[in-house]
Protein backbone atom coordinates (compact mmCIF):
# COMPACT_ATOMS: atom_id res chain seq x y z
CA MET A 1 65.99 90.10 52.80
CA ILE A 2 63.15 92.18 54.13
CA ASP A 3 61.41 95.20 52.63
CA VAL A 4 61.01 98.07 55.10
CA LEU A 5 58.47 100.76 54.23
CA TYR A 6 58.21 104.18 55.86
CA PHE A 7 55.08 106.36 55.73
CA ALA A 8 54.13 109.97 56.57
CA TRP A 9 56.55 111.75 58.92
CA VAL A 10 58.61 108.57 59.39
CA ARG A 11 59.47 108.71 55.68
CA GLU A 12 60.18 112.45 55.94
CA ARG A 13 62.64 111.99 58.82
CA ILE A 14 64.46 109.07 57.23
CA GLY A 15 64.31 110.46 53.70
CA LEU A 16 63.33 107.18 52.04
CA PRO A 17 59.94 105.64 51.22
CA ARG A 18 61.35 102.09 51.40
CA GLU A 19 64.51 100.04 51.53
CA ARG A 20 65.50 96.40 51.31
CA LEU A 21 67.55 95.16 54.26
CA GLU A 22 69.49 92.10 55.24
CA THR A 23 68.91 91.74 58.98
CA SER A 24 69.53 89.27 61.77
CA ALA A 25 66.72 90.85 63.85
CA VAL A 26 64.42 88.32 65.51
CA THR A 27 61.62 90.74 66.41
CA VAL A 28 60.37 94.13 65.23
CA ALA A 29 61.97 95.68 68.33
CA ASP A 30 65.33 94.17 67.33
CA LEU A 31 64.95 95.65 63.86
CA ILE A 32 64.19 99.07 65.36
CA THR A 33 67.32 98.82 67.52
CA GLN A 34 69.40 98.06 64.43
CA LEU A 35 67.82 100.92 62.48
CA ARG A 36 68.33 103.42 65.32
CA ALA A 37 72.03 102.56 65.40
CA ARG A 38 72.50 103.28 61.68
CA GLU A 39 72.29 107.07 61.58
CA GLU A 40 70.85 110.02 63.47
CA ARG A 41 67.91 110.31 61.07
CA TYR A 42 66.82 106.76 61.98
CA ALA A 43 67.32 107.47 65.68
CA ALA A 44 65.07 110.53 65.33
CA ALA A 45 62.39 108.61 63.43
CA PHE A 46 62.27 105.83 66.03
CA ALA A 47 62.77 107.96 69.15
CA ASP A 48 59.17 107.70 70.36
CA LEU A 49 57.65 104.28 69.71
CA SER A 50 54.34 105.34 71.25
CA ALA A 51 53.90 107.53 68.14
CA LEU A 52 54.46 104.59 65.77
CA ARG A 53 52.54 101.60 64.50
CA VAL A 54 53.93 98.63 62.61
CA ALA A 55 52.45 96.23 60.07
CA LEU A 56 54.00 92.92 59.07
CA ASP A 57 53.02 91.76 55.58
CA GLN A 58 50.20 94.35 55.68
CA GLU A 59 48.74 93.19 59.02
CA LEU A 60 48.86 95.45 62.06
CA SER A 61 51.27 93.97 64.56
CA SER A 62 53.26 94.69 67.72
CA PHE A 63 56.89 95.57 68.34
CA ASP A 64 57.56 92.21 70.02
CA ALA A 65 56.25 90.26 67.00
CA PRO A 66 58.72 87.81 65.40
CA LEU A 67 60.11 88.55 61.96
CA ALA A 68 60.52 84.92 60.89
CA GLY A 69 58.98 84.51 57.44
CA VAL A 70 58.02 88.18 57.16
CA ARG A 71 58.68 89.81 53.79
CA GLU A 72 57.53 93.37 54.50
CA VAL A 73 57.64 95.63 57.56
CA ALA A 74 55.85 99.00 57.41
CA PHE A 75 56.22 101.80 59.96
CA PHE A 76 53.62 104.60 60.15
CA PRO A 77 51.97 106.96 62.62
CA PRO A 78 48.66 105.97 64.21
CA MET A 79 45.71 106.50 61.88
CA THR A 80 43.07 109.01 62.81
CA GLY A 81 39.43 108.78 61.89
CA GLY A 82 37.49 111.43 60.09
């Protein structure tokens, strides 16, 4: 099982702050493919990956990162300074 967290507009599009999933995904990109296929709201949230960042167990990561041993995946828009 893996906890998937959604922040900012990603959460707004999906309608959930977090969910616990059973997945066979090997990488973050595989997980995104599975999520996109679930419902239109997921497809909309993950339509433009250039507008998304991902963290694995609270460490910034990449979409090709492996999920082996990961407990938490968080998706969020890029942070802006200020």
